[in-house]
Amino acid sequence: SSQRVLGLCERVASEARPSTVADLGVAIALAGAAFDGATLTVRVNLKGLDDPVYAARTAGTLDRLTGEITALRHRVAQVISGRTGILA
């Protein structure tokens, strides 16, 4: 999952060899894009459901995950930026 990939990136970002820091930036971009695409699909599909309770509960879960993923992306980007001087 995107969250797992981002978590792995966070774990290794401060210890990664300098030559691989850019690869971590690419990994967070791709994992983030995968999450964004999946989120869009889920949100669109939720609108077509006949069960408003399930849709609301799922939307709440998605909102929580979105917040967690956003924070995780930011933390990894900060480490990359700190190591390279380039905004990730």
C-alpha atoms as a PDB file:
ATOM      1  CA  SER A   1       0.000   0.000   0.000  1.00  0.00           C
ATOM      2  CA  SER A   2       1.015   3.619  -0.416  1.00  0.00           C
ATOM      3  CA  GLN A   3       1.131   4.075   3.336  1.00  0.00           C
ATOM      4  CA  ARG A   4       3.530   1.164   3.699  1.00  0.00           C
ATOM      5  CA  VAL A   5       5.838   2.465   0.954  1.00  0.00           C
ATOM      6  CA  LEU A   6       5.853   5.922   2.523  1.00  0.00           C
ATOM      7  CA  GLY A   7       6.540   4.421   5.937  1.00  0.00           C
ATOM      8  CA  LEU A   8       9.519   2.519   4.556  1.00  0.00           C
ATOM      9  CA  CYS A   9      10.785   5.691   2.896  1.00  0.00           C
ATOM     10  CA  GLU A  10      10.489   7.540   6.197  1.00  0.00           C
ATOM     11  CA  ARG A  11      12.411   4.804   7.975  1.00  0.00           C
ATOM     12  CA  VAL A  12      15.383   4.933   5.606  1.00  0.00           C
ATOM     13  CA  ALA A  13      15.387   8.597   4.538  1.00  0.00           C
ATOM     14  CA  SER A  14      17.801   9.848   7.180  1.00  0.00           C
ATOM     15  CA  GLU A  15      20.166   6.896   6.730  1.00  0.00           C
ATOM     16  CA  ALA A  16      20.046   6.448   2.948  1.00  0.00           C
ATOM     17  CA  ARG A  17      23.182   6.890   0.923  1.00  0.00           C
ATOM     18  CA  PRO A  18      23.330  10.347  -0.640  1.00  0.00           C
ATOM     19  CA  SER A  19      23.157   8.821  -4.112  1.00  0.00           C
ATOM     20  CA  THR A  20      19.755   7.278  -3.330  1.00  0.00           C
ATOM     21  CA  VAL A  21      18.002  10.255  -1.748  1.00  0.00           C
ATOM     22  CA  ALA A  22      16.558  11.312  -5.114  1.00  0.00           C
ATOM     23  CA  ASP A  23      15.169   7.797  -5.526  1.00  0.00           C
ATOM     24  CA  LEU A  24      13.340   8.239  -2.235  1.00  0.00           C
ATOM     25  CA  GLY A  25      11.850  11.446  -3.594  1.00  0.00           C
ATOM     26  CA  VAL A  26      10.591   9.557  -6.614  1.00  0.00           C
ATOM     27  CA  ALA A  27       9.206   6.810  -4.382  1.00  0.00           C
ATOM     28  CA  ILE A  28       7.215   9.277  -2.267  1.00  0.00           C
ATOM     29  CA  ALA A  29       5.904  10.978  -5.405  1.00  0.00           C
ATOM     30  CA  LEU A  30       4.754   7.672  -6.898  1.00  0.00           C
ATOM     31  CA  ALA A  31       3.276   6.344  -3.657  1.00  0.00           C
ATOM     32  CA  GLY A  32       1.496   9.637  -3.129  1.00  0.00           C
ATOM     33  CA  ALA A  33       0.110   9.599  -6.671  1.00  0.00           C
ATOM     34  CA  ALA A  34      -1.115   6.026  -6.205  1.00  0.00           C
ATOM     35  CA  PHE A  35      -2.891   7.040  -3.002  1.00  0.00           C
ATOM     36  CA  ASP A  36      -4.388  10.129  -4.630  1.00  0.00           C
ATOM     37  CA  GLY A  37      -5.707   8.076  -7.541  1.00  0.00           C
ATOM     38  CA  ALA A  38      -7.206   5.441  -5.271  1.00  0.00           C
ATOM     39  CA  THR A  39      -8.754   8.133  -3.090  1.00  0.00           C
ATOM     40  CA  LEU A  40     -10.408   9.771  -6.078  1.00  0.00           C
ATOM     41  CA  THR A  41     -11.841   6.439  -7.211  1.00  0.00           C
ATOM     42  CA  VAL A  42     -13.207   5.645  -3.762  1.00  0.00           C
ATOM     43  CA  ARG A  43     -14.755   9.094  -3.313  1.00  0.00           C
ATOM     44  CA  VAL A  44     -16.485   8.892  -6.698  1.00  0.00           C
ATOM     45  CA  ASN A  45     -17.769   5.381  -5.972  1.00  0.00           C
ATOM     46  CA  LEU A  46     -19.051   6.381  -2.537  1.00  0.00           C
ATOM     47  CA  LYS A  47     -21.396   8.881  -4.168  1.00  0.00           C
ATOM     48  CA  GLY A  48     -23.151   6.037  -5.998  1.00  0.00           C
ATOM     49  CA  LEU A  49     -23.818   3.865  -2.949  1.00  0.00           C
ATOM     50  CA  ASP A  50     -27.308   3.329  -1.577  1.00  0.00           C
ATOM     51  CA  ASP A  51     -26.069   2.891   1.996  1.00  0.00           C
ATOM     52  CA  PRO A  52     -25.413   6.374   3.422  1.00  0.00           C
ATOM     53  CA  VAL A  53     -24.188   5.029   6.771  1.00  0.00           C
ATOM     54  CA  TYR A  54     -21.537   2.858   5.128  1.00  0.00           C
ATOM     55  CA  ALA A  55     -20.613   5.667   2.735  1.00  0.00           C
ATOM     56  CA  ALA A  56     -20.192   8.153   5.603  1.00  0.00           C
ATOM     57  CA  ARG A  57     -18.148   5.694   7.676  1.00  0.00           C
ATOM     58  CA  THR A  58     -15.920   4.888   4.716  1.00  0.00           C
ATOM     59  CA  ALA A  59     -15.496   8.582   3.871  1.00  0.00           C
ATOM     60  CA  GLY A  60     -14.446   9.199   7.479  1.00  0.00           C
ATOM     61  CA  THR A  61     -11.879   6.431   7.282  1.00  0.00           C
ATOM     62  CA  LEU A  62     -10.618   7.859   4.008  1.00  0.00           C
ATOM     63  CA  ASP A  63     -10.342  11.335   5.552  1.00  0.00           C
ATOM     64  CA  ARG A  64      -8.285   9.890   8.424  1.00  0.00           C
ATOM     65  CA  LEU A  65      -6.006   8.015   6.034  1.00  0.00           C
ATOM     66  CA  THR A  66      -5.612  11.112   3.881  1.00  0.00           C
ATOM     67  CA  GLY A  67      -4.451  13.083   6.908  1.00  0.00           C
ATOM     68  CA  GLU A  68      -1.989  10.360   7.879  1.00  0.00           C
ATOM     69  CA  ILE A  69      -0.623  10.050   4.339  1.00  0.00           C
ATOM     70  CA  THR A  70      -0.311  13.828   3.980  1.00  0.00           C
ATOM     71  CA  ALA A  71       1.671  14.046   7.223  1.00  0.00           C
ATOM     72  CA  LEU A  72       3.865  11.108   6.231  1.00  0.00           C
ATOM     73  CA  ARG A  73       4.587  12.598   2.802  1.00  0.00           C
ATOM     74  CA  HIS A  74       5.492  15.896   4.437  1.00  0.00           C
ATOM     75  CA  ARG A  75       7.836  14.295   6.964  1.00  0.00           C
ATOM     76  CA  VAL A  76       9.715  12.338   4.305  1.00  0.00           C
ATOM     77  CA  ALA A  77       9.894  15.381   2.032  1.00  0.00           C
ATOM     78  CA  GLN A  78      11.337  17.402   4.915  1.00  0.00           C
ATOM     79  CA  VAL A  79      14.108  14.851   5.471  1.00  0.00           C
ATOM     80  CA  ILE A  80      14.921  14.787   1.764  1.00  0.00           C
ATOM     81  CA  SER A  81      14.903  18.569   1.604  1.00  0.00           C
ATOM     82  CA  GLY A  82      17.137  18.781   4.658  1.00  0.00           C
ATOM     83  CA  ARG A  83      19.633  16.349   3.165  1.00  0.00           C
ATOM     84  CA  THR A  84      19.688  17.866  -0.320  1.00  0.00           C
ATOM     85  CA  GLY A  85      18.708  21.494   0.074  1.00  0.00           C
ATOM     86  CA  ILE A  86      16.103  20.870  -2.636  1.00  0.00           C
ATOM     87  CA  LEU A  87      12.373  20.915  -1.994  1.00  0.00           C
ATOM     88  CA  ALA A  88      11.022  17.405  -2.492  1.00  0.00           C
END
